[in-house]
Amino acid sequence: MNDDSNQELLATYRNRLEIANREMERTEGELKNAQEELKQQPEKPGDTEAVEAKKESGRLVKKLEAELEAIRVKKLVLEHAVRGLENPLAMYDPNHWIRMGDALNGIRRNWLS
């Protein structure tokens, strides 16, 4: 690849990384709200609607947690791509791969639960 195409690709990946950061902020806010709503749901075992509402809130929290983990992995991949284009030797940073593995394990835990 020539230098111009590398710069274009770098700009594209930086833009996508900014979008992922905004997605993460939005999802974190939604997750926080959903967790608060779940905490405020009353425990009424006899009330079918209350039980169903609590289950639905729980499902929403799980969904948002999984979405947040997916965004984290997307960000790690984009950060890796940006670092690789900025400095080809950066992709050999072992700490980056440790963080990538931690993020993938988080997604796996959410999918299995």
PDB file of N, CA and C in Angstrom:
ATOM      1  N   MET A   1       0.844  -1.179   0.000  1.00  0.00           N
ATOM      2  CA  MET A   1       0.000   0.000   0.000  1.00  0.00           C
ATOM      3  C   MET A   1       0.886   1.238   0.000  1.00  0.00           C
ATOM      4  N   ASN A   2       0.428   2.246  -0.714  1.00  0.00           N
ATOM      5  CA  ASN A   2       1.209   3.474  -0.710  1.00  0.00           C
ATOM      6  C   ASN A   2       0.817   4.336   0.485  1.00  0.00           C
ATOM      7  N   ASP A   3       1.576   5.392   0.692  1.00  0.00           N
ATOM      8  CA  ASP A   3       1.391   6.239   1.871  1.00  0.00           C
ATOM      9  C   ASP A   3       0.038   6.954   1.863  1.00  0.00           C
ATOM     10  N   ASP A   4      -0.433   7.368   0.665  1.00  0.00           N
ATOM     11  CA  ASP A   4      -1.731   8.054   0.581  1.00  0.00           C
ATOM     12  C   ASP A   4      -2.870   7.136   1.005  1.00  0.00           C
ATOM     13  N   SER A   5      -2.842   5.903   0.524  1.00  0.00           N
ATOM     14  CA  SER A   5      -3.919   4.980   0.895  1.00  0.00           C
ATOM     15  C   SER A   5      -3.838   4.623   2.383  1.00  0.00           C
ATOM     16  N   ASN A   6      -2.618   4.547   2.924  1.00  0.00           N
ATOM     17  CA  ASN A   6      -2.474   4.318   4.367  1.00  0.00           C
ATOM     18  C   ASN A   6      -3.081   5.465   5.162  1.00  0.00           C
ATOM     19  N   GLN A   7      -2.844   6.694   4.710  1.00  0.00           N
ATOM     20  CA  GLN A   7      -3.391   7.863   5.408  1.00  0.00           C
ATOM     21  C   GLN A   7      -4.916   7.898   5.322  1.00  0.00           C
ATOM     22  N   GLU A   8      -5.454   7.529   4.165  1.00  0.00           N
ATOM     23  CA  GLU A   8      -6.913   7.465   4.018  1.00  0.00           C
ATOM     24  C   GLU A   8      -7.494   6.398   4.941  1.00  0.00           C
ATOM     25  N   LEU A   9      -6.858   5.251   4.967  1.00  0.00           N
ATOM     26  CA  LEU A   9      -7.310   4.164   5.829  1.00  0.00           C
ATOM     27  C   LEU A   9      -7.207   4.562   7.298  1.00  0.00           C
ATOM     28  N   LEU A  10      -6.126   5.220   7.659  1.00  0.00           N
ATOM     29  CA  LEU A  10      -5.938   5.693   9.026  1.00  0.00           C
ATOM     30  C   LEU A  10      -7.046   6.673   9.409  1.00  0.00           C
ATOM     31  N   ALA A  11      -7.372   7.591   8.512  1.00  0.00           N
ATOM     32  CA  ALA A  11      -8.451   8.557   8.781  1.00  0.00           C
ATOM     33  C   ALA A  11      -9.795   7.844   8.932  1.00  0.00           C
ATOM     34  N   THR A  12     -10.038   6.846   8.096  1.00  0.00           N
ATOM     35  CA  THR A  12     -11.282   6.075   8.185  1.00  0.00           C
ATOM     36  C   THR A  12     -11.378   5.355   9.519  1.00  0.00           C
ATOM     37  N   TYR A  13     -10.295   4.695   9.912  1.00  0.00           N
ATOM     38  CA  TYR A  13     -10.314   3.957  11.180  1.00  0.00           C
ATOM     39  C   TYR A  13     -10.439   4.889  12.375  1.00  0.00           C
ATOM     40  N   ARG A  14      -9.803   6.054  12.313  1.00  0.00           N
ATOM     41  CA  ARG A  14      -9.943   7.026  13.408  1.00  0.00           C
ATOM     42  C   ARG A  14     -11.390   7.506  13.516  1.00  0.00           C
ATOM     43  N   ASN A  15     -12.014   7.738  12.365  1.00  0.00           N
ATOM     44  CA  ASN A  15     -13.417   8.159  12.356  1.00  0.00           C
ATOM     45  C   ASN A  15     -14.308   7.067  12.955  1.00  0.00           C
ATOM     46  N   ARG A  16     -14.084   5.836  12.555  1.00  0.00           N
ATOM     47  CA  ARG A  16     -14.869   4.723  13.105  1.00  0.00           C
ATOM     48  C   ARG A  16     -14.630   4.561  14.599  1.00  0.00           C
ATOM     49  N   LEU A  17     -13.425   4.833  15.042  1.00  0.00           N
ATOM     50  CA  LEU A  17     -13.109   4.754  16.467  1.00  0.00           C
ATOM     51  C   LEU A  17     -13.870   5.832  17.243  1.00  0.00           C
ATOM     52  N   GLU A  18     -13.957   7.026  16.679  1.00  0.00           N
ATOM     53  CA  GLU A  18     -14.742   8.092  17.318  1.00  0.00           C
ATOM     54  C   GLU A  18     -16.212   7.692  17.415  1.00  0.00           C
ATOM     55  N   ILE A  19     -16.734   7.095  16.352  1.00  0.00           N
ATOM     56  CA  ILE A  19     -18.125   6.634  16.355  1.00  0.00           C
ATOM     57  C   ILE A  19     -18.311   5.557  17.421  1.00  0.00           C
ATOM     58  N   ALA A  20     -17.369   4.632  17.519  1.00  0.00           N
ATOM     59  CA  ALA A  20     -17.450   3.573  18.533  1.00  0.00           C
ATOM     60  C   ALA A  20     -17.402   4.164  19.940  1.00  0.00           C
ATOM     61  N   ASN A  21     -16.597   5.202  20.134  1.00  0.00           N
ATOM     62  CA  ASN A  21     -16.552   5.862  21.446  1.00  0.00           C
ATOM     63  C   ASN A  21     -17.905   6.468  21.797  1.00  0.00           C
ATOM     64  N   ARG A  22     -18.552   7.106  20.815  1.00  0.00           N
ATOM     65  CA  ARG A  22     -19.884   7.680  21.066  1.00  0.00           C
ATOM     66  C   ARG A  22     -20.904   6.579  21.338  1.00  0.00           C
ATOM     67  N   GLU A  23     -20.832   5.479  20.578  1.00  0.00           N
ATOM     68  CA  GLU A  23     -21.723   4.336  20.812  1.00  0.00           C
ATOM     69  C   GLU A  23     -21.542   3.796  22.221  1.00  0.00           C
ATOM     70  N   MET A  24     -20.297   3.721  22.649  1.00  0.00           N
ATOM     71  CA  MET A  24     -20.005   3.192  23.975  1.00  0.00           C
ATOM     72  C   MET A  24     -20.587   4.104  25.052  1.00  0.00           C
ATOM     73  N   GLU A  25     -20.413   5.406  24.901  1.00  0.00           N
ATOM     74  CA  GLU A  25     -20.976   6.346  25.873  1.00  0.00           C
ATOM     75  C   GLU A  25     -22.494   6.219  25.936  1.00  0.00           C
ATOM     76  N   ARG A  26     -23.135   6.125  24.770  1.00  0.00           N
ATOM     77  CA  ARG A  26     -24.590   6.002  24.714  1.00  0.00           C
ATOM     78  C   ARG A  26     -25.047   4.705  25.379  1.00  0.00           C
ATOM     79  N   THR A  27     -24.375   3.618  25.052  1.00  0.00           N
ATOM     80  CA  THR A  27     -24.753   2.318  25.603  1.00  0.00           C
ATOM     81  C   THR A  27     -24.507   2.267  27.102  1.00  0.00           C
ATOM     82  N   GLU A  28     -23.404   2.856  27.560  1.00  0.00           N
ATOM     83  CA  GLU A  28     -23.148   2.892  29.003  1.00  0.00           C
ATOM     84  C   GLU A  28     -24.253   3.654  29.725  1.00  0.00           C
ATOM     85  N   GLY A  29     -24.720   4.765  29.134  1.00  0.00           N
ATOM     86  CA  GLY A  29     -25.817   5.533  29.725  1.00  0.00           C
ATOM     87  C   GLY A  29     -27.105   4.729  29.770  1.00  0.00           C
ATOM     88  N   GLU A  30     -27.417   4.052  28.662  1.00  0.00           N
ATOM     89  CA  GLU A  30     -28.616   3.216  28.619  1.00  0.00           C
ATOM     90  C   GLU A  30     -28.525   2.082  29.630  1.00  0.00           C
ATOM     91  N   LEU A  31     -27.342   1.481  29.747  1.00  0.00           N
ATOM     92  CA  LEU A  31     -27.155   0.388  30.696  1.00  0.00           C
ATOM     93  C   LEU A  31     -27.346   0.876  32.126  1.00  0.00           C
ATOM     94  N   LYS A  32     -26.782   2.021  32.428  1.00  0.00           N
ATOM     95  CA  LYS A  32     -26.925   2.575  33.777  1.00  0.00           C
ATOM     96  C   LYS A  32     -28.399   2.825  34.094  1.00  0.00           C
ATOM     97  N   ASN A  33     -29.132   3.406  33.137  1.00  0.00           N
ATOM     98  CA  ASN A  33     -30.564   3.648  33.333  1.00  0.00           C
ATOM     99  C   ASN A  33     -31.334   2.343  33.514  1.00  0.00           C
ATOM    100  N   ALA A  34     -31.016   1.342  32.699  1.00  0.00           N
ATOM    101  CA  ALA A  34     -31.704   0.050  32.793  1.00  0.00           C
ATOM    102  C   ALA A  34     -31.406  -0.632  34.126  1.00  0.00           C
ATOM    103  N   GLN A  35     -30.161  -0.528  34.597  1.00  0.00           N
ATOM    104  CA  GLN A  35     -29.815  -1.120  35.888  1.00  0.00           C
ATOM    105  C   GLN A  35     -30.555  -0.423  37.024  1.00  0.00           C
ATOM    106  N   GLU A  36     -30.673   0.902  36.951  1.00  0.00           N
ATOM    107  CA  GLU A  36     -31.423   1.649  37.968  1.00  0.00           C
ATOM    108  C   GLU A  36     -32.895   1.247  37.951  1.00  0.00           C
ATOM    109  N   GLU A  37     -33.442   1.118  36.743  1.00  0.00           N
ATOM    110  CA  GLU A  37     -34.840   0.717  36.611  1.00  0.00           C
ATOM    111  C   GLU A  37     -35.055  -0.684  37.183  1.00  0.00           C
ATOM    112  N   LEU A  38     -34.105  -1.570  36.928  1.00  0.00           N
ATOM    113  CA  LEU A  38     -34.208  -2.930  37.453  1.00  0.00           C
ATOM    114  C   LEU A  38     -34.181  -2.927  38.979  1.00  0.00           C
ATOM    115  N   LYS A  39     -33.323  -2.097  39.558  1.00  0.00           N
ATOM    116  CA  LYS A  39     -33.247  -2.010  41.019  1.00  0.00           C
ATOM    117  C   LYS A  39     -34.544  -1.475  41.614  1.00  0.00           C
ATOM    118  N   GLN A  40     -35.214  -0.590  40.886  1.00  0.00           N
ATOM    119  CA  GLN A  40     -36.429   0.031  41.402  1.00  0.00           C
ATOM    120  C   GLN A  40     -37.672  -0.818  41.187  1.00  0.00           C
ATOM    121  N   GLN A  41     -37.559  -1.878  40.390  1.00  0.00           N
ATOM    122  CA  GLN A  41     -38.708  -2.754  40.163  1.00  0.00           C
ATOM    123  C   GLN A  41     -39.061  -3.452  41.475  1.00  0.00           C
ATOM    124  N   PRO A  42     -40.326  -3.390  41.889  1.00  0.00           N
ATOM    125  CA  PRO A  42     -40.711  -4.039  43.147  1.00  0.00           C
ATOM    126  C   PRO A  42     -40.731  -5.562  43.016  1.00  0.00           C
ATOM    127  N   GLU A  43     -40.422  -6.215  44.113  1.00  0.00           N
ATOM    128  CA  GLU A  43     -40.478  -7.684  44.168  1.00  0.00           C
ATOM    129  C   GLU A  43     -41.873  -8.090  44.629  1.00  0.00           C
ATOM    130  N   LYS A  44     -42.712  -8.478  43.694  1.00  0.00           N
ATOM    131  CA  LYS A  44     -44.065  -8.932  44.020  1.00  0.00           C
ATOM    132  C   LYS A  44     -44.288 -10.273  43.333  1.00  0.00           C
ATOM    133  N   PRO A  45     -43.959 -11.362  44.010  1.00  0.00           N
ATOM    134  CA  PRO A  45     -44.081 -12.679  43.374  1.00  0.00           C
ATOM    135  C   PRO A  45     -45.494 -13.010  42.889  1.00  0.00           C
ATOM    136  N   GLY A  46     -46.521 -12.474  43.549  1.00  0.00           N
ATOM    137  CA  GLY A  46     -47.894 -12.786  43.160  1.00  0.00           C
ATOM    138  C   GLY A  46     -48.389 -11.958  41.991  1.00  0.00           C
ATOM    139  N   ASP A  47     -47.765 -10.828  41.724  1.00  0.00           N
ATOM    140  CA  ASP A  47     -48.191  -9.928  40.654  1.00  0.00           C
ATOM    141  C   ASP A  47     -47.483 -10.316  39.353  1.00  0.00           C
ATOM    142  N   THR A  48     -48.236 -10.915  38.455  1.00  0.00           N
ATOM    143  CA  THR A  48     -47.663 -11.411  37.199  1.00  0.00           C
ATOM    144  C   THR A  48     -47.041 -10.286  36.371  1.00  0.00           C
ATOM    145  N   GLU A  49     -47.695  -9.138  36.321  1.00  0.00           N
ATOM    146  CA  GLU A  49     -47.163  -8.017  35.539  1.00  0.00           C
ATOM    147  C   GLU A  49     -45.838  -7.516  36.104  1.00  0.00           C
ATOM    148  N   ALA A  50     -45.742  -7.436  37.440  1.00  0.00           N
ATOM    149  CA  ALA A  50     -44.503  -6.971  38.073  1.00  0.00           C
ATOM    150  C   ALA A  50     -43.361  -7.952  37.813  1.00  0.00           C
ATOM    151  N   VAL A  51     -43.665  -9.239  37.896  1.00  0.00           N
ATOM    152  CA  VAL A  51     -42.647 -10.267  37.648  1.00  0.00           C
ATOM    153  C   VAL A  51     -42.182 -10.188  36.199  1.00  0.00           C
ATOM    154  N   GLU A  52     -43.136 -10.041  35.278  1.00  0.00           N
ATOM    155  CA  GLU A  52     -42.794  -9.965  33.854  1.00  0.00           C
ATOM    156  C   GLU A  52     -41.986  -8.699  33.551  1.00  0.00           C
ATOM    157  N   ALA A  53     -42.352  -7.580  34.184  1.00  0.00           N
ATOM    158  CA  ALA A  53     -41.614  -6.326  33.979  1.00  0.00           C
ATOM    159  C   ALA A  53     -40.182  -6.455  34.494  1.00  0.00           C
ATOM    160  N   LYS A  54     -40.010  -7.117  35.624  1.00  0.00           N
ATOM    161  CA  LYS A  54     -38.668  -7.314  36.182  1.00  0.00           C
ATOM    162  C   LYS A  54     -37.833  -8.210  35.263  1.00  0.00           C
ATOM    163  N   LYS A  55     -38.458  -9.264  34.726  1.00  0.00           N
ATOM    164  CA  LYS A  55     -37.746 -10.149  33.794  1.00  0.00           C
ATOM    165  C   LYS A  55     -37.328  -9.381  32.537  1.00  0.00           C
ATOM    166  N   GLU A  56     -38.236  -8.549  32.032  1.00  0.00           N
ATOM    167  CA  GLU A  56     -37.937  -7.764  30.830  1.00  0.00           C
ATOM    168  C   GLU A  56     -36.791  -6.791  31.092  1.00  0.00           C
ATOM    169  N   SER A  57     -36.800  -6.159  32.258  1.00  0.00           N
ATOM    170  CA  SER A  57     -35.703  -5.252  32.622  1.00  0.00           C
ATOM    171  C   SER A  57     -34.391  -6.023  32.711  1.00  0.00           C
ATOM    172  N   GLY A  58     -34.437  -7.219  33.268  1.00  0.00           N
ATOM    173  CA  GLY A  58     -33.241  -8.058  33.361  1.00  0.00           C
ATOM    174  C   GLY A  58     -32.702  -8.432  31.993  1.00  0.00           C
ATOM    175  N   ARG A  59     -33.614  -8.762  31.075  1.00  0.00           N
ATOM    176  CA  ARG A  59     -33.189  -9.098  29.704  1.00  0.00           C
ATOM    177  C   ARG A  59     -32.554  -7.890  29.016  1.00  0.00           C
ATOM    178  N   LEU A  60     -33.134  -6.703  29.255  1.00  0.00           N
ATOM    179  CA  LEU A  60     -32.580  -5.487  28.659  1.00  0.00           C
ATOM    180  C   LEU A  60     -31.175  -5.216  29.193  1.00  0.00           C
ATOM    181  N   VAL A  61     -30.983  -5.405  30.486  1.00  0.00           N
ATOM    182  CA  VAL A  61     -29.657  -5.206  31.082  1.00  0.00           C
ATOM    183  C   VAL A  61     -28.657  -6.171  30.458  1.00  0.00           C
ATOM    184  N   LYS A  62     -29.024  -7.443  30.336  1.00  0.00           N
ATOM    185  CA  LYS A  62     -28.124  -8.442  29.723  1.00  0.00           C
ATOM    186  C   LYS A  62     -27.792  -8.062  28.280  1.00  0.00           C
ATOM    187  N   LYS A  63     -28.814  -7.628  27.538  1.00  0.00           N
ATOM    188  CA  LYS A  63     -28.605  -7.247  26.137  1.00  0.00           C
ATOM    189  C   LYS A  63     -27.639  -6.069  26.041  1.00  0.00           C
ATOM    190  N   LEU A  64     -27.832  -5.070  26.890  1.00  0.00           N
ATOM    191  CA  LEU A  64     -26.961  -3.894  26.856  1.00  0.00           C
ATOM    192  C   LEU A  64     -25.543  -4.235  27.300  1.00  0.00           C
ATOM    193  N   GLU A  65     -25.409  -5.142  28.267  1.00  0.00           N
ATOM    194  CA  GLU A  65     -24.069  -5.572  28.688  1.00  0.00           C
ATOM    195  C   GLU A  65     -23.347  -6.263  27.540  1.00  0.00           C
ATOM    196  N   ALA A  66     -24.062  -7.131  26.812  1.00  0.00           N
ATOM    197  CA  ALA A  66     -23.458  -7.821  25.670  1.00  0.00           C
ATOM    198  C   ALA A  66     -23.094  -6.827  24.565  1.00  0.00           C
ATOM    199  N   GLU A  67     -23.973  -5.842  24.338  1.00  0.00           N
ATOM    200  CA  GLU A  67     -23.697  -4.818  23.327  1.00  0.00           C
ATOM    201  C   GLU A  67     -22.462  -4.007  23.706  1.00  0.00           C
ATOM    202  N   LEU A  68     -22.341  -3.698  24.985  1.00  0.00           N
ATOM    203  CA  LEU A  68     -21.187  -2.941  25.467  1.00  0.00           C
ATOM    204  C   LEU A  68     -19.895  -3.730  25.265  1.00  0.00           C
ATOM    205  N   GLU A  69     -19.932  -5.017  25.541  1.00  0.00           N
ATOM    206  CA  GLU A  69     -18.747  -5.858  25.321  1.00  0.00           C
ATOM    207  C   GLU A  69     -18.388  -5.918  23.842  1.00  0.00           C
ATOM    208  N   ALA A  70     -19.391  -6.006  22.978  1.00  0.00           N
ATOM    209  CA  ALA A  70     -19.121  -6.035  21.533  1.00  0.00           C
ATOM    210  C   ALA A  70     -18.482  -4.722  21.079  1.00  0.00           C
ATOM    211  N   ILE A  71     -18.947  -3.609  21.634  1.00  0.00           N
ATOM    212  CA  ILE A  71     -18.365  -2.310  21.288  1.00  0.00           C
ATOM    213  C   ILE A  71     -16.925  -2.241  21.782  1.00  0.00           C
ATOM    214  N   ARG A  72     -16.665  -2.795  22.960  1.00  0.00           N
ATOM    215  CA  ARG A  72     -15.290  -2.803  23.484  1.00  0.00           C
ATOM    216  C   ARG A  72     -14.353  -3.552  22.540  1.00  0.00           C
ATOM    217  N   VAL A  73     -14.816  -4.693  22.042  1.00  0.00           N
ATOM    218  CA  VAL A  73     -13.980  -5.465  21.113  1.00  0.00           C
ATOM    219  C   VAL A  73     -13.784  -4.690  19.813  1.00  0.00           C
ATOM    220  N   LYS A  74     -14.855  -4.078  19.317  1.00  0.00           N
ATOM    221  CA  LYS A  74     -14.738  -3.277  18.094  1.00  0.00           C
ATOM    222  C   LYS A  74     -13.712  -2.165  18.296  1.00  0.00           C
ATOM    223  N   LYS A  75     -13.778  -1.508  19.458  1.00  0.00           N
ATOM    224  CA  LYS A  75     -12.816  -0.443  19.749  1.00  0.00           C
ATOM    225  C   LYS A  75     -11.391  -0.986  19.801  1.00  0.00           C
ATOM    226  N   LEU A  76     -11.206  -2.145  20.424  1.00  0.00           N
ATOM    227  CA  LEU A  76      -9.862  -2.726  20.495  1.00  0.00           C
ATOM    228  C   LEU A  76      -9.315  -3.028  19.104  1.00  0.00           C
ATOM    229  N   VAL A  77     -10.164  -3.572  18.250  1.00  0.00           N
ATOM    230  CA  VAL A  77      -9.731  -3.883  16.885  1.00  0.00           C
ATOM    231  C   VAL A  77      -9.376  -2.596  16.136  1.00  0.00           C
ATOM    232  N   LEU A  78     -10.224  -1.573  16.275  1.00  0.00           N
ATOM    233  CA  LEU A  78      -9.943  -0.301  15.601  1.00  0.00           C
ATOM    234  C   LEU A  78      -8.690   0.362  16.159  1.00  0.00           C
ATOM    235  N   GLU A  79      -8.527   0.322  17.487  1.00  0.00           N
ATOM    236  CA  GLU A  79      -7.311   0.883  18.088  1.00  0.00           C
ATOM    237  C   GLU A  79      -6.078   0.155  17.568  1.00  0.00           C
ATOM    238  N   HIS A  80      -6.193  -1.164  17.447  1.00  0.00           N
ATOM    239  CA  HIS A  80      -5.082  -1.957  16.929  1.00  0.00           C
ATOM    240  C   HIS A  80      -4.770  -1.555  15.485  1.00  0.00           C
ATOM    241  N   ALA A  81      -5.813  -1.374  14.689  1.00  0.00           N
ATOM    242  CA  ALA A  81      -5.606  -0.984  13.293  1.00  0.00           C
ATOM    243  C   ALA A  81      -4.955   0.397  13.205  1.00  0.00           C
ATOM    244  N   VAL A  82      -5.438   1.332  14.014  1.00  0.00           N
ATOM    245  CA  VAL A  82      -4.865   2.683  14.005  1.00  0.00           C
ATOM    246  C   VAL A  82      -3.407   2.634  14.435  1.00  0.00           C
ATOM    247  N   ARG A  83      -3.137   1.912  15.526  1.00  0.00           N
ATOM    248  CA  ARG A  83      -1.752   1.821  16.001  1.00  0.00           C
ATOM    249  C   ARG A  83      -0.864   1.138  14.976  1.00  0.00           C
ATOM    250  N   GLY A  84      -1.393   0.122  14.318  1.00  0.00           N
ATOM    251  CA  GLY A  84      -0.612  -0.578  13.305  1.00  0.00           C
ATOM    252  C   GLY A  84      -0.280   0.297  12.111  1.00  0.00           C
ATOM    253  N   LEU A  85      -1.226   1.160  11.733  1.00  0.00           N
ATOM    254  CA  LEU A  85      -0.969   2.063  10.610  1.00  0.00           C
ATOM    255  C   LEU A  85      -0.043   3.206  11.013  1.00  0.00           C
ATOM    256  N   GLU A  86      -0.161   3.662  12.259  1.00  0.00           N
ATOM    257  CA  GLU A  86       0.714   4.738  12.730  1.00  0.00           C
ATOM    258  C   GLU A  86       2.136   4.239  12.946  1.00  0.00           C
ATOM    259  N   ASN A  87       2.247   3.031  13.479  1.00  0.00           N
ATOM    260  CA  ASN A  87       3.553   2.464  13.803  1.00  0.00           C
ATOM    261  C   ASN A  87       3.460   0.949  13.634  1.00  0.00           C
ATOM    262  N   PRO A  88       3.977   0.406  12.545  1.00  0.00           N
ATOM    263  CA  PRO A  88       3.842  -1.026  12.279  1.00  0.00           C
ATOM    264  C   PRO A  88       4.364  -1.932  13.400  1.00  0.00           C
ATOM    265  N   LEU A  89       5.299  -1.458  14.205  1.00  0.00           N
ATOM    266  CA  LEU A  89       5.808  -2.295  15.294  1.00  0.00           C
ATOM    267  C   LEU A  89       4.854  -2.345  16.488  1.00  0.00           C
ATOM    268  N   ALA A  90       3.873  -1.449  16.551  1.00  0.00           N
ATOM    269  CA  ALA A  90       2.947  -1.384  17.690  1.00  0.00           C
ATOM    270  C   ALA A  90       2.087  -2.632  17.801  1.00  0.00           C
ATOM    271  N   MET A  91       1.845  -3.317  16.683  1.00  0.00           N
ATOM    272  CA  MET A  91       0.970  -4.484  16.760  1.00  0.00           C
ATOM    273  C   MET A  91       1.617  -5.641  17.521  1.00  0.00           C
ATOM    274  N   TYR A  92       2.862  -5.510  17.855  1.00  0.00           N
ATOM    275  CA  TYR A  92       3.525  -6.561  18.624  1.00  0.00           C
ATOM    276  C   TYR A  92       3.517  -6.281  20.125  1.00  0.00           C
ATOM    277  N   ASP A  93       2.773  -5.263  20.566  1.00  0.00           N
ATOM    278  CA  ASP A  93       2.652  -4.924  21.985  1.00  0.00           C
ATOM    279  C   ASP A  93       1.826  -6.008  22.684  1.00  0.00           C
ATOM    280  N   PRO A  94       2.418  -6.786  23.591  1.00  0.00           N
ATOM    281  CA  PRO A  94       1.682  -7.887  24.226  1.00  0.00           C
ATOM    282  C   PRO A  94       0.522  -7.414  25.098  1.00  0.00           C
ATOM    283  N   ASN A  95       0.621  -6.222  25.690  1.00  0.00           N
ATOM    284  CA  ASN A  95      -0.478  -5.726  26.520  1.00  0.00           C
ATOM    285  C   ASN A  95      -1.751  -5.528  25.710  1.00  0.00           C
ATOM    286  N   HIS A  96      -1.592  -5.143  24.452  1.00  0.00           N
ATOM    287  CA  HIS A  96      -2.760  -4.974  23.590  1.00  0.00           C
ATOM    288  C   HIS A  96      -3.491  -6.304  23.435  1.00  0.00           C
ATOM    289  N   TRP A  97      -2.758  -7.367  23.212  1.00  0.00           N
ATOM    290  CA  TRP A  97      -3.387  -8.667  23.000  1.00  0.00           C
ATOM    291  C   TRP A  97      -3.995  -9.204  24.290  1.00  0.00           C
ATOM    292  N   ILE A  98      -3.413  -8.857  25.431  1.00  0.00           N
ATOM    293  CA  ILE A  98      -4.003  -9.257  26.714  1.00  0.00           C
ATOM    294  C   ILE A  98      -5.361  -8.578  26.877  1.00  0.00           C
ATOM    295  N   ARG A  99      -5.442  -7.273  26.579  1.00  0.00           N
ATOM    296  CA  ARG A  99      -6.723  -6.556  26.669  1.00  0.00           C
ATOM    297  C   ARG A  99      -7.733  -7.123  25.679  1.00  0.00           C
ATOM    298  N   MET A 100      -7.283  -7.473  24.492  1.00  0.00           N
ATOM    299  CA  MET A 100      -8.166  -8.053  23.483  1.00  0.00           C
ATOM    300  C   MET A 100      -8.742  -9.373  23.996  1.00  0.00           C
ATOM    301  N   GLY A 101      -7.905 -10.205  24.592  1.00  0.00           N
ATOM    302  CA  GLY A 101      -8.373 -11.473  25.147  1.00  0.00           C
ATOM    303  C   GLY A 101      -9.359 -11.269  26.277  1.00  0.00           C
ATOM    304  N   ASP A 102      -9.104 -10.294  27.148  1.00  0.00           N
ATOM    305  CA  ASP A 102     -10.029  -9.998  28.243  1.00  0.00           C
ATOM    306  C   ASP A 102     -11.390  -9.584  27.701  1.00  0.00           C
ATOM    307  N   ALA A 103     -11.405  -8.771  26.670  1.00  0.00           N
ATOM    308  CA  ALA A 103     -12.668  -8.320  26.082  1.00  0.00           C
ATOM    309  C   ALA A 103     -13.424  -9.493  25.463  1.00  0.00           C
ATOM    310  N   LEU A 104     -12.718 -10.357  24.759  1.00  0.00           N
ATOM    311  CA  LEU A 104     -13.373 -11.518  24.154  1.00  0.00           C
ATOM    312  C   LEU A 104     -13.925 -12.455  25.217  1.00  0.00           C
ATOM    313  N   ASN A 105     -13.199 -12.629  26.311  1.00  0.00           N
ATOM    314  CA  ASN A 105     -13.702 -13.462  27.402  1.00  0.00           C
ATOM    315  C   ASN A 105     -14.952 -12.857  28.021  1.00  0.00           C
ATOM    316  N   GLY A 106     -15.014 -11.536  28.117  1.00  0.00           N
ATOM    317  CA  GLY A 106     -16.208 -10.874  28.635  1.00  0.00           C
ATOM    318  C   GLY A 106     -17.416 -11.134  27.758  1.00  0.00           C
ATOM    319  N   ILE A 107     -17.233 -11.084  26.454  1.00  0.00           N
ATOM    320  CA  ILE A 107     -18.336 -11.366  25.533  1.00  0.00           C
ATOM    321  C   ILE A 107     -18.772 -12.819  25.677  1.00  0.00           C
ATOM    322  N   ARG A 108     -17.826 -13.720  25.750  1.00  0.00           N
ATOM    323  CA  ARG A 108     -18.142 -15.133  25.888  1.00  0.00           C
ATOM    324  C   ARG A 108     -18.956 -15.380  27.160  1.00  0.00           C
ATOM    325  N   ARG A 109     -18.558 -14.737  28.275  1.00  0.00           N
ATOM    326  CA  ARG A 109     -19.299 -14.893  29.534  1.00  0.00           C
ATOM    327  C   ARG A 109     -20.733 -14.400  29.385  1.00  0.00           C
ATOM    328  N   ASN A 110     -20.930 -13.266  28.721  1.00  0.00           N
ATOM    329  CA  ASN A 110     -22.281 -12.732  28.541  1.00  0.00           C
ATOM    330  C   ASN A 110     -23.125 -13.630  27.650  1.00  0.00           C
ATOM    331  N   TRP A 111     -22.534 -14.197  26.614  1.00  0.00           N
ATOM    332  CA  TRP A 111     -23.299 -15.056  25.724  1.00  0.00           C
ATOM    333  C   TRP A 111     -23.685 -16.359  26.406  1.00  0.00           C
ATOM    334  N   LEU A 112     -22.834 -16.842  27.296  1.00  0.00           N
ATOM    335  CA  LEU A 112     -23.109 -18.116  27.953  1.00  0.00           C
ATOM    336  C   LEU A 112     -24.060 -17.983  29.129  1.00  0.00           C
ATOM    337  N   SER A 113     -24.226 -16.767  29.648  1.00  0.00           N
ATOM    338  CA  SER A 113     -25.104 -16.621  30.819  1.00  0.00           C
ATOM    339  C   SER A 113     -26.542 -16.383  30.423  1.00  0.00           C
TER     340      SER A 113
END
